[in-house]
Amino acid sequence: MRVLGHLFERNKKWSEKIRVEEPDFFEKLAHQQSPGYLWIGCSDSRVPANQIVGLLPGELFVHRNVANVVVHSDLNCLSTMQYAVDVLNVRHIIVCGHYGCGGVGAALRDDRLGLIDNWLRHVQDVRDKHRERLRVFSEEERRWDRLCELNVVEQVVNACQTTVVREAWERGKELTVHGWIYALQDGLLRDLKLCISGTGEIDKAYGEALSALEGMK
């Protein structure tokens, strides 16, 4: 029981299925990875990055944490971004949140969960910044949805303001940062109308994304 044999069995079946469909897949994959995208998403087990966008292993570089947060003191996230941009040469960074995010919900309600409360303080900062935008909804579920969306918008801006992205743009690198959100209820992605390809676009794109959200009431 301790060795989790059922998971090894599933792994074997998955490997066999891939090799039937593409016999040299693992041989090619072992020699290099050349993803075109970096996905910064939530750790939630219901949000599997590759499957959502229909990409195979090797096509999507992934960083995940609770509530898909990008903060400038998180060396894990920054190191992943730097490797993706400077070494793997990805052209797109996708910050993807999801509706029903437990971390965002806890931040909204001021739940006390333990050590994770320190991490969720970043999301509470988003909540406090947009308190008036959240107040227009009488139902908690709608405030929760909106905070999930607003959190993505703020994390996209944070990503754009990292030294990794700013220096890439200064070098003239083609790099675009996108804000998306995923719905657990139907398995579909929503574009939050936030797509930034240079420092000079940040303020305008941020304002337009917030306006687009207000139009989604």
N, C-alpha and C. Protein backbone atom coordinates (compact mmCIF):
# COMPACT_ATOMS: atom_id res chain seq x y z
N MET A 1 0.83 -1.21 0.00
CA MET A 1 0.00 0.00 0.00
C MET A 1 0.86 1.26 0.00
N ARG A 2 1.98 1.22 0.74
CA ARG A 2 2.79 2.41 0.88
C ARG A 2 3.46 2.85 -0.43
N VAL A 3 3.69 1.93 -1.34
CA VAL A 3 4.40 2.29 -2.58
C VAL A 3 3.46 2.86 -3.63
N LEU A 4 2.17 2.94 -3.37
CA LEU A 4 1.19 3.51 -4.32
C LEU A 4 1.28 2.82 -5.68
N GLY A 5 1.21 1.51 -5.64
CA GLY A 5 1.36 0.72 -6.85
C GLY A 5 0.37 1.06 -7.94
N HIS A 6 -0.83 1.50 -7.57
CA HIS A 6 -1.84 1.81 -8.59
C HIS A 6 -1.40 2.99 -9.45
N LEU A 7 -0.63 3.90 -8.86
CA LEU A 7 -0.15 5.03 -9.67
C LEU A 7 0.95 4.60 -10.63
N PHE A 8 1.81 3.69 -10.20
CA PHE A 8 2.82 3.15 -11.12
C PHE A 8 2.15 2.41 -12.28
N GLU A 9 1.07 1.70 -11.98
CA GLU A 9 0.35 0.98 -13.03
C GLU A 9 -0.26 1.96 -14.02
N ARG A 10 -0.82 3.05 -13.52
CA ARG A 10 -1.39 4.06 -14.41
C ARG A 10 -0.30 4.71 -15.26
N ASN A 11 0.85 4.92 -14.65
CA ASN A 11 1.97 5.49 -15.40
C ASN A 11 2.38 4.57 -16.55
N LYS A 12 2.42 3.28 -16.27
CA LYS A 12 2.79 2.31 -17.30
C LYS A 12 1.81 2.33 -18.47
N LYS A 13 0.53 2.39 -18.15
CA LYS A 13 -0.50 2.43 -19.20
C LYS A 13 -0.41 3.72 -20.00
N TRP A 14 -0.14 4.83 -19.31
CA TRP A 14 0.00 6.12 -20.01
C TRP A 14 1.19 6.08 -20.96
N SER A 15 2.31 5.55 -20.48
CA SER A 15 3.51 5.46 -21.31
C SER A 15 3.26 4.59 -22.54
N GLU A 16 2.59 3.47 -22.33
CA GLU A 16 2.30 2.56 -23.45
C GLU A 16 1.39 3.23 -24.48
N LYS A 17 0.42 3.98 -24.00
CA LYS A 17 -0.52 4.66 -24.89
C LYS A 17 0.22 5.69 -25.76
N ILE A 18 1.09 6.47 -25.13
CA ILE A 18 1.85 7.47 -25.87
C ILE A 18 2.74 6.80 -26.92
N ARG A 19 3.39 5.70 -26.56
CA ARG A 19 4.32 5.04 -27.49
C ARG A 19 3.59 4.38 -28.65
N VAL A 20 2.36 3.97 -28.42
CA VAL A 20 1.56 3.44 -29.52
C VAL A 20 1.22 4.55 -30.50
N GLU A 21 0.84 5.71 -29.96
CA GLU A 21 0.44 6.84 -30.80
C GLU A 21 1.63 7.48 -31.50
N GLU A 22 2.77 7.53 -30.82
CA GLU A 22 3.97 8.17 -31.38
C GLU A 22 5.20 7.42 -30.86
N PRO A 23 5.66 6.41 -31.57
CA PRO A 23 6.71 5.51 -31.08
C PRO A 23 7.99 6.19 -30.61
N ASP A 24 8.40 7.30 -31.25
CA ASP A 24 9.66 7.93 -30.87
C ASP A 24 9.46 9.15 -29.97
N PHE A 25 8.27 9.28 -29.37
CA PHE A 25 7.96 10.48 -28.58
C PHE A 25 8.93 10.67 -27.42
N PHE A 26 9.13 9.64 -26.62
CA PHE A 26 9.96 9.79 -25.43
C PHE A 26 11.44 9.94 -25.80
N GLU A 27 11.86 9.32 -26.88
CA GLU A 27 13.25 9.48 -27.32
C GLU A 27 13.53 10.94 -27.70
N LYS A 28 12.61 11.54 -28.43
CA LYS A 28 12.77 12.95 -28.81
C LYS A 28 12.68 13.84 -27.58
N LEU A 29 11.75 13.54 -26.68
CA LEU A 29 11.54 14.36 -25.50
C LEU A 29 12.76 14.34 -24.59
N ALA A 30 13.43 13.21 -24.51
CA ALA A 30 14.59 13.08 -23.63
C ALA A 30 15.76 13.94 -24.06
N HIS A 31 15.82 14.29 -25.33
CA HIS A 31 16.98 15.04 -25.83
C HIS A 31 16.82 16.54 -25.71
N GLN A 32 15.61 17.04 -25.69
CA GLN A 32 15.43 18.48 -25.52
C GLN A 32 13.96 18.81 -25.23
N GLN A 33 13.76 20.00 -24.65
CA GLN A 33 12.42 20.54 -24.52
C GLN A 33 12.43 21.91 -25.20
N SER A 34 11.39 22.19 -25.93
CA SER A 34 11.33 23.47 -26.63
C SER A 34 9.92 24.05 -26.54
N PRO A 35 9.49 24.36 -25.32
CA PRO A 35 8.15 24.91 -25.16
C PRO A 35 8.06 26.33 -25.69
N GLY A 36 6.90 26.69 -26.17
CA GLY A 36 6.70 28.05 -26.64
C GLY A 36 6.04 28.92 -25.59
N TYR A 37 5.62 28.31 -24.46
CA TYR A 37 4.81 29.01 -23.49
C TYR A 37 5.27 28.71 -22.07
N LEU A 38 5.18 29.71 -21.21
CA LEU A 38 5.32 29.51 -19.77
C LEU A 38 3.95 29.72 -19.16
N TRP A 39 3.49 28.75 -18.40
CA TRP A 39 2.19 28.80 -17.72
C TRP A 39 2.43 29.06 -16.25
N ILE A 40 1.88 30.14 -15.72
CA ILE A 40 1.92 30.41 -14.29
C ILE A 40 0.50 30.24 -13.78
N GLY A 41 0.27 29.16 -13.07
CA GLY A 41 -1.09 28.83 -12.68
C GLY A 41 -1.20 28.44 -11.23
N CYS A 42 -2.40 28.05 -10.84
CA CYS A 42 -2.68 27.65 -9.46
C CYS A 42 -2.30 26.18 -9.25
N SER A 43 -1.95 25.86 -8.00
CA SER A 43 -1.61 24.47 -7.66
C SER A 43 -2.81 23.54 -7.61
N ASP A 44 -4.00 24.08 -7.70
CA ASP A 44 -5.23 23.29 -7.59
C ASP A 44 -5.18 22.05 -8.49
N SER A 45 -5.48 20.90 -7.91
CA SER A 45 -5.39 19.64 -8.64
C SER A 45 -6.41 19.51 -9.75
N ARG A 46 -7.41 20.39 -9.76
CA ARG A 46 -8.44 20.34 -10.79
C ARG A 46 -8.08 21.16 -12.02
N VAL A 47 -6.89 21.76 -12.01
CA VAL A 47 -6.49 22.65 -13.11
C VAL A 47 -5.18 22.16 -13.71
N PRO A 48 -5.21 21.07 -14.49
CA PRO A 48 -4.00 20.51 -15.09
C PRO A 48 -3.59 21.28 -16.34
N ALA A 49 -2.49 21.98 -16.26
CA ALA A 49 -2.13 22.95 -17.30
C ALA A 49 -2.08 22.35 -18.70
N ASN A 50 -1.29 21.30 -18.91
CA ASN A 50 -1.15 20.75 -20.27
C ASN A 50 -2.47 20.31 -20.87
N GLN A 51 -3.27 19.60 -20.07
CA GLN A 51 -4.52 19.06 -20.59
C GLN A 51 -5.49 20.16 -20.99
N ILE A 52 -5.53 21.23 -20.22
CA ILE A 52 -6.48 22.30 -20.49
C ILE A 52 -6.29 22.88 -21.89
N VAL A 53 -5.04 23.04 -22.29
CA VAL A 53 -4.76 23.65 -23.59
C VAL A 53 -4.39 22.61 -24.65
N GLY A 54 -4.54 21.33 -24.31
CA GLY A 54 -4.32 20.28 -25.29
C GLY A 54 -2.89 20.16 -25.77
N LEU A 55 -1.92 20.39 -24.88
CA LEU A 55 -0.51 20.30 -25.26
C LEU A 55 0.14 19.09 -24.60
N LEU A 56 1.11 18.53 -25.29
CA LEU A 56 1.84 17.37 -24.79
C LEU A 56 2.99 17.79 -23.89
N PRO A 57 3.55 16.85 -23.12
CA PRO A 57 4.76 17.17 -22.36
C PRO A 57 5.84 17.73 -23.30
N GLY A 58 6.54 18.75 -22.84
CA GLY A 58 7.56 19.37 -23.66
C GLY A 58 7.10 20.62 -24.38
N GLU A 59 5.78 20.85 -24.41
CA GLU A 59 5.25 21.99 -25.15
C GLU A 59 4.84 23.15 -24.25
N LEU A 60 4.82 22.93 -22.93
CA LEU A 60 4.38 23.96 -21.99
C LEU A 60 5.27 23.89 -20.75
N PHE A 61 5.97 24.98 -20.45
CA PHE A 61 6.77 25.07 -19.24
C PHE A 61 5.86 25.59 -18.14
N VAL A 62 5.91 25.00 -16.95
CA VAL A 62 4.86 25.27 -15.95
C VAL A 62 5.43 25.66 -14.60
N HIS A 63 4.85 26.71 -14.02
CA HIS A 63 5.08 27.07 -12.63
C HIS A 63 3.72 27.20 -11.97
N ARG A 64 3.55 26.55 -10.82
CA ARG A 64 2.26 26.62 -10.13
C ARG A 64 2.47 26.93 -8.66
N ASN A 65 1.58 27.73 -8.11
CA ASN A 65 1.56 27.97 -6.67
C ASN A 65 0.12 28.27 -6.26
N VAL A 66 -0.14 28.33 -4.97
CA VAL A 66 -1.49 28.59 -4.50
C VAL A 66 -1.94 29.98 -4.95
N ALA A 67 -3.03 30.02 -5.70
CA ALA A 67 -3.67 31.26 -6.17
C ALA A 67 -2.88 31.99 -7.25
N ASN A 68 -2.00 31.26 -7.97
CA ASN A 68 -1.28 31.81 -9.13
C ASN A 68 -0.74 33.22 -8.90
N VAL A 69 0.05 33.33 -7.86
CA VAL A 69 0.59 34.63 -7.45
C VAL A 69 1.99 34.84 -8.03
N VAL A 70 2.26 36.07 -8.47
CA VAL A 70 3.61 36.47 -8.92
C VAL A 70 4.07 37.60 -8.02
N VAL A 71 5.06 37.32 -7.17
CA VAL A 71 5.60 38.36 -6.29
C VAL A 71 7.11 38.45 -6.50
N HIS A 72 7.63 39.65 -6.34
CA HIS A 72 9.01 39.92 -6.72
C HIS A 72 10.04 39.35 -5.75
N SER A 73 9.57 38.83 -4.63
CA SER A 73 10.47 38.20 -3.67
C SER A 73 10.46 36.68 -3.77
N ASP A 74 9.66 36.13 -4.67
CA ASP A 74 9.53 34.68 -4.82
C ASP A 74 10.58 34.19 -5.81
N LEU A 75 11.71 33.73 -5.30
CA LEU A 75 12.81 33.32 -6.18
C LEU A 75 12.47 32.07 -6.97
N ASN A 76 11.57 31.25 -6.47
CA ASN A 76 11.13 30.07 -7.21
C ASN A 76 10.46 30.50 -8.51
N CYS A 77 9.47 31.38 -8.39
CA CYS A 77 8.76 31.86 -9.57
C CYS A 77 9.69 32.64 -10.51
N LEU A 78 10.49 33.53 -9.94
CA LEU A 78 11.38 34.35 -10.77
C LEU A 78 12.41 33.49 -11.50
N SER A 79 12.93 32.48 -10.83
CA SER A 79 13.91 31.60 -11.47
C SER A 79 13.27 30.82 -12.62
N THR A 80 12.04 30.37 -12.40
CA THR A 80 11.32 29.68 -13.47
C THR A 80 11.10 30.60 -14.65
N MET A 81 10.69 31.84 -14.38
CA MET A 81 10.48 32.81 -15.45
C MET A 81 11.78 33.09 -16.20
N GLN A 82 12.86 33.29 -15.45
CA GLN A 82 14.14 33.61 -16.09
C GLN A 82 14.62 32.47 -16.98
N TYR A 83 14.50 31.25 -16.50
CA TYR A 83 14.92 30.09 -17.29
C TYR A 83 14.05 29.96 -18.54
N ALA A 84 12.76 30.16 -18.36
CA ALA A 84 11.84 30.04 -19.50
C ALA A 84 12.14 31.08 -20.57
N VAL A 85 12.36 32.32 -20.13
CA VAL A 85 12.55 33.42 -21.08
C VAL A 85 13.94 33.42 -21.69
N ASP A 86 14.97 33.27 -20.85
CA ASP A 86 16.34 33.45 -21.33
C ASP A 86 16.98 32.18 -21.86
N VAL A 87 16.57 31.03 -21.36
CA VAL A 87 17.19 29.76 -21.79
C VAL A 87 16.29 29.02 -22.79
N LEU A 88 15.03 28.85 -22.43
CA LEU A 88 14.11 28.13 -23.31
C LEU A 88 13.53 29.01 -24.40
N ASN A 89 13.67 30.31 -24.25
CA ASN A 89 13.24 31.26 -25.27
C ASN A 89 11.74 31.21 -25.54
N VAL A 90 10.95 31.09 -24.48
CA VAL A 90 9.50 31.13 -24.68
C VAL A 90 9.10 32.53 -25.15
N ARG A 91 8.02 32.59 -25.89
CA ARG A 91 7.53 33.86 -26.42
C ARG A 91 6.26 34.33 -25.71
N HIS A 92 5.68 33.46 -24.90
CA HIS A 92 4.41 33.81 -24.25
C HIS A 92 4.43 33.36 -22.80
N ILE A 93 4.02 34.24 -21.89
CA ILE A 93 3.80 33.90 -20.49
C ILE A 93 2.30 34.02 -20.23
N ILE A 94 1.71 32.93 -19.77
CA ILE A 94 0.28 32.90 -19.51
C ILE A 94 0.06 32.81 -18.00
N VAL A 95 -0.54 33.85 -17.44
CA VAL A 95 -0.96 33.80 -16.04
C VAL A 95 -2.42 33.36 -16.03
N CYS A 96 -2.68 32.18 -15.47
CA CYS A 96 -4.04 31.63 -15.53
C CYS A 96 -4.56 31.31 -14.14
N GLY A 97 -5.64 31.99 -13.77
CA GLY A 97 -6.33 31.67 -12.54
C GLY A 97 -7.53 30.79 -12.82
N HIS A 98 -8.34 30.55 -11.82
CA HIS A 98 -9.55 29.75 -12.05
C HIS A 98 -10.63 30.16 -11.07
N TYR A 99 -11.86 30.06 -11.52
CA TYR A 99 -12.99 30.32 -10.65
C TYR A 99 -13.06 29.24 -9.57
N GLY A 100 -13.53 29.61 -8.41
CA GLY A 100 -13.62 28.65 -7.31
C GLY A 100 -12.28 28.37 -6.66
N CYS A 101 -11.30 29.26 -6.85
CA CYS A 101 -9.98 29.07 -6.26
C CYS A 101 -10.07 29.14 -4.74
N GLY A 102 -9.64 28.08 -4.07
CA GLY A 102 -9.74 28.03 -2.62
C GLY A 102 -8.90 29.09 -1.94
N GLY A 103 -7.71 29.36 -2.49
CA GLY A 103 -6.85 30.38 -1.91
C GLY A 103 -7.47 31.77 -2.00
N VAL A 104 -8.04 32.08 -3.16
CA VAL A 104 -8.69 33.37 -3.35
C VAL A 104 -9.90 33.49 -2.43
N GLY A 105 -10.66 32.41 -2.31
CA GLY A 105 -11.83 32.42 -1.42
C GLY A 105 -11.43 32.66 0.02
N ALA A 106 -10.35 32.01 0.46
CA ALA A 106 -9.87 32.20 1.83
C ALA A 106 -9.42 33.64 2.06
N ALA A 107 -8.76 34.23 1.05
CA ALA A 107 -8.33 35.62 1.17
C ALA A 107 -9.54 36.55 1.22
N LEU A 108 -10.55 36.25 0.44
CA LEU A 108 -11.76 37.08 0.43
C LEU A 108 -12.44 37.07 1.79
N ARG A 109 -12.52 35.90 2.41
CA ARG A 109 -13.26 35.75 3.66
C ARG A 109 -12.42 35.99 4.91
N ASP A 110 -11.12 36.17 4.73
CA ASP A 110 -10.21 36.31 5.88
C ASP A 110 -10.13 35.03 6.69
N ASP A 111 -10.21 33.89 6.03
CA ASP A 111 -10.08 32.62 6.73
C ASP A 111 -8.68 32.49 7.34
N ARG A 112 -8.58 31.74 8.41
CA ARG A 112 -7.29 31.46 9.02
C ARG A 112 -6.98 29.97 8.80
N LEU A 113 -5.97 29.70 8.00
CA LEU A 113 -5.65 28.33 7.61
C LEU A 113 -4.27 27.89 8.10
N GLY A 114 -3.47 28.81 8.62
CA GLY A 114 -2.14 28.44 9.08
C GLY A 114 -1.06 29.20 8.32
N LEU A 115 0.03 28.53 8.04
CA LEU A 115 1.17 29.16 7.37
C LEU A 115 0.78 29.81 6.05
N ILE A 116 -0.15 29.19 5.33
CA ILE A 116 -0.57 29.69 4.02
C ILE A 116 -1.16 31.10 4.11
N ASP A 117 -1.60 31.52 5.30
CA ASP A 117 -2.16 32.87 5.45
C ASP A 117 -1.16 33.94 5.05
N ASN A 118 0.12 33.68 5.29
CA ASN A 118 1.15 34.66 4.92
C ASN A 118 1.23 34.82 3.41
N TRP A 119 1.12 33.71 2.69
CA TRP A 119 1.14 33.75 1.23
C TRP A 119 -0.10 34.44 0.68
N LEU A 120 -1.24 34.13 1.27
CA LEU A 120 -2.50 34.70 0.77
C LEU A 120 -2.65 36.18 1.11
N ARG A 121 -1.73 36.70 1.92
CA ARG A 121 -1.74 38.14 2.16
C ARG A 121 -1.61 38.90 0.85
N HIS A 122 -0.90 38.34 -0.13
CA HIS A 122 -0.77 38.97 -1.44
C HIS A 122 -2.13 39.11 -2.12
N VAL A 123 -2.96 38.09 -1.99
CA VAL A 123 -4.29 38.14 -2.59
C VAL A 123 -5.19 39.08 -1.79
N GLN A 124 -5.00 39.13 -0.49
CA GLN A 124 -5.76 40.10 0.31
C GLN A 124 -5.42 41.53 -0.07
N ASP A 125 -4.18 41.75 -0.47
CA ASP A 125 -3.80 43.08 -0.96
C ASP A 125 -4.60 43.43 -2.21
N VAL A 126 -4.80 42.45 -3.08
CA VAL A 126 -5.63 42.66 -4.27
C VAL A 126 -7.07 42.95 -3.85
N ARG A 127 -7.56 42.18 -2.90
CA ARG A 127 -8.93 42.40 -2.38
C ARG A 127 -9.09 43.81 -1.85
N ASP A 128 -8.13 44.26 -1.05
CA ASP A 128 -8.23 45.58 -0.44
C ASP A 128 -8.11 46.69 -1.48
N LYS A 129 -7.26 46.49 -2.47
CA LYS A 129 -7.08 47.49 -3.53
C LYS A 129 -8.37 47.68 -4.32
N HIS A 130 -9.12 46.60 -4.51
CA HIS A 130 -10.33 46.65 -5.34
C HIS A 130 -11.60 46.50 -4.51
N ARG A 131 -11.54 46.92 -3.27
CA ARG A 131 -12.68 46.74 -2.36
C ARG A 131 -13.98 47.30 -2.95
N GLU A 132 -13.91 48.47 -3.58
CA GLU A 132 -15.12 49.08 -4.13
C GLU A 132 -15.67 48.27 -5.30
N ARG A 133 -14.78 47.70 -6.10
CA ARG A 133 -15.23 46.88 -7.23
C ARG A 133 -15.89 45.60 -6.75
N LEU A 134 -15.49 45.10 -5.60
CA LEU A 134 -16.08 43.88 -5.06
C LEU A 134 -17.39 44.17 -4.33
N ARG A 135 -17.49 45.34 -3.77
CA ARG A 135 -18.64 45.69 -2.95
C ARG A 135 -19.94 45.76 -3.75
N VAL A 136 -19.85 45.92 -5.06
CA VAL A 136 -21.07 46.05 -5.86
C VAL A 136 -21.85 44.73 -5.94
N PHE A 137 -21.21 43.62 -5.56
CA PHE A 137 -21.88 42.33 -5.61
C PHE A 137 -22.41 41.95 -4.24
N SER A 138 -23.68 41.66 -4.16
CA SER A 138 -24.29 41.30 -2.87
C SER A 138 -24.01 39.84 -2.51
N GLU A 139 -23.82 38.99 -3.51
CA GLU A 139 -23.60 37.57 -3.26
C GLU A 139 -22.10 37.29 -3.15
N GLU A 140 -21.74 36.52 -2.14
CA GLU A 140 -20.32 36.20 -1.95
C GLU A 140 -19.73 35.46 -3.15
N GLU A 141 -20.51 34.59 -3.77
CA GLU A 141 -19.99 33.82 -4.90
C GLU A 141 -19.57 34.73 -6.05
N ARG A 142 -20.33 35.79 -6.28
CA ARG A 142 -19.97 36.73 -7.35
C ARG A 142 -18.74 37.54 -6.96
N ARG A 143 -18.61 37.91 -5.69
CA ARG A 143 -17.40 38.61 -5.24
C ARG A 143 -16.19 37.69 -5.39
N TRP A 144 -16.39 36.43 -5.10
CA TRP A 144 -15.32 35.43 -5.22
C TRP A 144 -14.86 35.32 -6.68
N ASP A 145 -15.83 35.21 -7.58
CA ASP A 145 -15.50 35.15 -9.01
C ASP A 145 -14.71 36.38 -9.45
N ARG A 146 -15.20 37.55 -9.03
CA ARG A 146 -14.55 38.78 -9.46
C ARG A 146 -13.13 38.91 -8.87
N LEU A 147 -12.97 38.47 -7.62
CA LEU A 147 -11.62 38.53 -7.04
C LEU A 147 -10.68 37.57 -7.75
N CYS A 148 -11.19 36.42 -8.17
CA CYS A 148 -10.36 35.51 -8.97
C CYS A 148 -9.88 36.20 -10.24
N GLU A 149 -10.77 36.94 -10.88
CA GLU A 149 -10.43 37.67 -12.12
C GLU A 149 -9.45 38.81 -11.83
N LEU A 150 -9.75 39.59 -10.81
CA LEU A 150 -8.89 40.72 -10.46
C LEU A 150 -7.49 40.24 -10.05
N ASN A 151 -7.43 39.11 -9.39
CA ASN A 151 -6.14 38.57 -8.98
C ASN A 151 -5.27 38.24 -10.19
N VAL A 152 -5.89 37.68 -11.23
CA VAL A 152 -5.13 37.40 -12.45
C VAL A 152 -4.61 38.71 -13.05
N VAL A 153 -5.46 39.71 -13.14
CA VAL A 153 -5.06 41.00 -13.72
C VAL A 153 -3.86 41.57 -12.96
N GLU A 154 -3.92 41.55 -11.65
CA GLU A 154 -2.81 42.10 -10.86
C GLU A 154 -1.53 41.27 -11.00
N GLN A 155 -1.67 39.96 -11.09
CA GLN A 155 -0.48 39.12 -11.22
C GLN A 155 0.17 39.26 -12.61
N VAL A 156 -0.64 39.53 -13.62
CA VAL A 156 -0.08 39.81 -14.95
C VAL A 156 0.79 41.07 -14.88
N VAL A 157 0.27 42.10 -14.26
CA VAL A 157 1.04 43.35 -14.12
C VAL A 157 2.32 43.08 -13.31
N ASN A 158 2.20 42.31 -12.23
CA ASN A 158 3.39 41.97 -11.45
C ASN A 158 4.42 41.26 -12.32
N ALA A 159 3.97 40.33 -13.15
CA ALA A 159 4.89 39.60 -14.03
C ALA A 159 5.60 40.56 -14.99
N CYS A 160 4.83 41.51 -15.52
CA CYS A 160 5.40 42.47 -16.46
C CYS A 160 6.43 43.38 -15.80
N GLN A 161 6.31 43.57 -14.50
CA GLN A 161 7.20 44.47 -13.79
C GLN A 161 8.41 43.78 -13.19
N THR A 162 8.54 42.46 -13.37
CA THR A 162 9.73 41.76 -12.90
C THR A 162 10.93 42.16 -13.75
N THR A 163 12.12 42.04 -13.18
CA THR A 163 13.33 42.34 -13.94
C THR A 163 13.47 41.39 -15.12
N VAL A 164 13.00 40.17 -14.97
CA VAL A 164 13.11 39.18 -16.05
C VAL A 164 12.40 39.67 -17.30
N VAL A 165 11.16 40.10 -17.16
CA VAL A 165 10.38 40.52 -18.31
C VAL A 165 10.83 41.88 -18.82
N ARG A 166 11.06 42.83 -17.90
CA ARG A 166 11.48 44.17 -18.33
C ARG A 166 12.80 44.13 -19.10
N GLU A 167 13.75 43.36 -18.60
CA GLU A 167 15.04 43.28 -19.29
C GLU A 167 14.92 42.56 -20.63
N ALA A 168 14.03 41.59 -20.72
CA ALA A 168 13.81 40.92 -22.00
C ALA A 168 13.27 41.92 -23.02
N TRP A 169 12.32 42.73 -22.60
CA TRP A 169 11.77 43.75 -23.50
C TRP A 169 12.82 44.78 -23.88
N GLU A 170 13.67 45.15 -22.93
CA GLU A 170 14.73 46.12 -23.21
C GLU A 170 15.71 45.59 -24.25
N ARG A 171 15.88 44.28 -24.28
CA ARG A 171 16.76 43.66 -25.28
C ARG A 171 16.06 43.51 -26.63
N GLY A 172 14.79 43.86 -26.68
CA GLY A 172 14.05 43.74 -27.93
C GLY A 172 13.45 42.37 -28.15
N LYS A 173 13.39 41.55 -27.12
CA LYS A 173 12.84 40.21 -27.26
C LYS A 173 11.33 40.26 -27.45
N GLU A 174 10.83 39.40 -28.34
CA GLU A 174 9.39 39.26 -28.51
C GLU A 174 8.84 38.40 -27.38
N LEU A 175 8.08 39.03 -26.50
CA LEU A 175 7.55 38.34 -25.33
C LEU A 175 6.22 38.99 -24.96
N THR A 176 5.20 38.17 -24.81
CA THR A 176 3.87 38.68 -24.48
C THR A 176 3.36 37.99 -23.22
N VAL A 177 2.76 38.78 -22.34
CA VAL A 177 2.19 38.25 -21.10
C VAL A 177 0.67 38.33 -21.21
N HIS A 178 0.00 37.21 -20.92
CA HIS A 178 -1.44 37.09 -21.10
C HIS A 178 -2.12 36.81 -19.76
N GLY A 179 -3.37 37.26 -19.61
CA GLY A 179 -4.18 36.94 -18.44
C GLY A 179 -5.41 36.15 -18.82
N TRP A 180 -5.51 34.92 -18.29
CA TRP A 180 -6.64 34.04 -18.59
C TRP A 180 -7.25 33.55 -17.29
N ILE A 181 -8.46 33.02 -17.40
CA ILE A 181 -9.08 32.35 -16.25
C ILE A 181 -9.83 31.12 -16.74
N TYR A 182 -9.85 30.11 -15.90
CA TYR A 182 -10.41 28.80 -16.26
C TYR A 182 -11.65 28.53 -15.41
N ALA A 183 -12.67 28.00 -16.04
CA ALA A 183 -13.92 27.67 -15.34
C ALA A 183 -13.99 26.17 -15.10
N LEU A 184 -14.03 25.78 -13.85
CA LEU A 184 -14.15 24.36 -13.51
C LEU A 184 -15.47 23.78 -13.99
N GLN A 185 -16.49 24.62 -14.06
CA GLN A 185 -17.84 24.13 -14.38
C GLN A 185 -17.97 23.60 -15.80
N ASP A 186 -17.20 24.16 -16.75
CA ASP A 186 -17.33 23.70 -18.13
C ASP A 186 -16.00 23.38 -18.80
N GLY A 187 -14.90 23.57 -18.08
CA GLY A 187 -13.58 23.24 -18.63
C GLY A 187 -13.08 24.22 -19.67
N LEU A 188 -13.66 25.41 -19.73
CA LEU A 188 -13.27 26.38 -20.75
C LEU A 188 -12.46 27.53 -20.16
N LEU A 189 -11.55 28.02 -20.97
CA LEU A 189 -10.74 29.19 -20.63
C LEU A 189 -11.45 30.46 -21.07
N ARG A 190 -11.27 31.53 -20.29
CA ARG A 190 -11.76 32.85 -20.67
C ARG A 190 -10.57 33.80 -20.78
N ASP A 191 -10.53 34.57 -21.84
CA ASP A 191 -9.51 35.60 -22.02
C ASP A 191 -9.94 36.84 -21.25
N LEU A 192 -9.11 37.32 -20.34
CA LEU A 192 -9.46 38.49 -19.56
C LEU A 192 -9.06 39.80 -20.25
N LYS A 193 -8.82 39.73 -21.54
CA LYS A 193 -8.55 40.91 -22.36
C LYS A 193 -7.33 41.68 -21.85
N LEU A 194 -6.33 40.92 -21.41
CA LEU A 194 -5.09 41.52 -20.93
C LEU A 194 -3.93 40.82 -21.62
N CYS A 195 -3.29 41.55 -22.51
CA CYS A 195 -2.23 40.99 -23.35
C CYS A 195 -1.19 42.10 -23.53
N ILE A 196 -0.01 41.92 -22.95
CA ILE A 196 0.99 42.98 -22.87
C ILE A 196 2.30 42.53 -23.50
N SER A 197 2.83 43.35 -24.42
CA SER A 197 4.05 42.99 -25.15
C SER A 197 5.17 44.00 -24.96
N GLY A 198 4.99 44.95 -24.04
CA GLY A 198 6.04 45.94 -23.80
C GLY A 198 5.70 46.80 -22.61
N THR A 199 6.73 47.39 -22.00
CA THR A 199 6.53 48.21 -20.80
C THR A 199 5.54 49.34 -21.03
N GLY A 200 5.61 49.95 -22.20
CA GLY A 200 4.74 51.08 -22.50
C GLY A 200 3.27 50.73 -22.62
N GLU A 201 2.95 49.45 -22.69
CA GLU A 201 1.56 49.02 -22.84
C GLU A 201 0.87 48.74 -21.50
N ILE A 202 1.64 48.66 -20.42
CA ILE A 202 1.10 48.14 -19.16
C ILE A 202 -0.08 48.95 -18.65
N ASP A 203 0.10 50.26 -18.50
CA ASP A 203 -0.95 51.08 -17.88
C ASP A 203 -2.25 51.04 -18.69
N LYS A 204 -2.13 51.20 -20.00
CA LYS A 204 -3.33 51.20 -20.84
C LYS A 204 -4.02 49.84 -20.81
N ALA A 205 -3.23 48.78 -20.95
CA ALA A 205 -3.81 47.44 -20.96
C ALA A 205 -4.47 47.11 -19.63
N TYR A 206 -3.87 47.55 -18.54
CA TYR A 206 -4.43 47.32 -17.21
C TYR A 206 -5.78 48.01 -17.07
N GLY A 207 -5.85 49.27 -17.48
CA GLY A 207 -7.11 50.01 -17.40
C GLY A 207 -8.19 49.39 -18.26
N GLU A 208 -7.81 48.96 -19.45
CA GLU A 208 -8.79 48.35 -20.35
C GLU A 208 -9.29 47.02 -19.80
N ALA A 209 -8.41 46.25 -19.16
CA ALA A 209 -8.84 44.97 -18.58
C ALA A 209 -9.82 45.19 -17.44
N LEU A 210 -9.56 46.20 -16.61
CA LEU A 210 -10.49 46.49 -15.52
C LEU A 210 -11.83 46.96 -16.06
N SER A 211 -11.81 47.77 -17.12
CA SER A 211 -13.05 48.22 -17.73
C SER A 211 -13.83 47.06 -18.32
N ALA A 212 -13.12 46.11 -18.94
CA ALA A 212 -13.77 44.95 -19.51
C ALA A 212 -14.43 44.11 -18.44
N LEU A 213 -13.80 43.99 -17.26
CA LEU A 213 -14.40 43.24 -16.17
C LEU A 213 -15.68 43.92 -15.68
N GLU A 214 -15.65 45.23 -15.59
CA GLU A 214 -16.84 45.94 -15.14
C GLU A 214 -18.00 45.75 -16.12
N GLY A 215 -17.66 45.54 -17.38
CA GLY A 215 -18.70 45.28 -18.37
C GLY A 215 -19.25 43.88 -18.31
N MET A 216 -18.62 43.01 -17.50
CA MET A 216 -19.04 41.61 -17.38
C MET A 216 -19.95 41.40 -16.17
N LYS A 217 -20.45 42.45 -15.56
CA LYS A 217 -21.29 42.30 -14.37
C LYS A 217 -22.43 41.33 -14.60
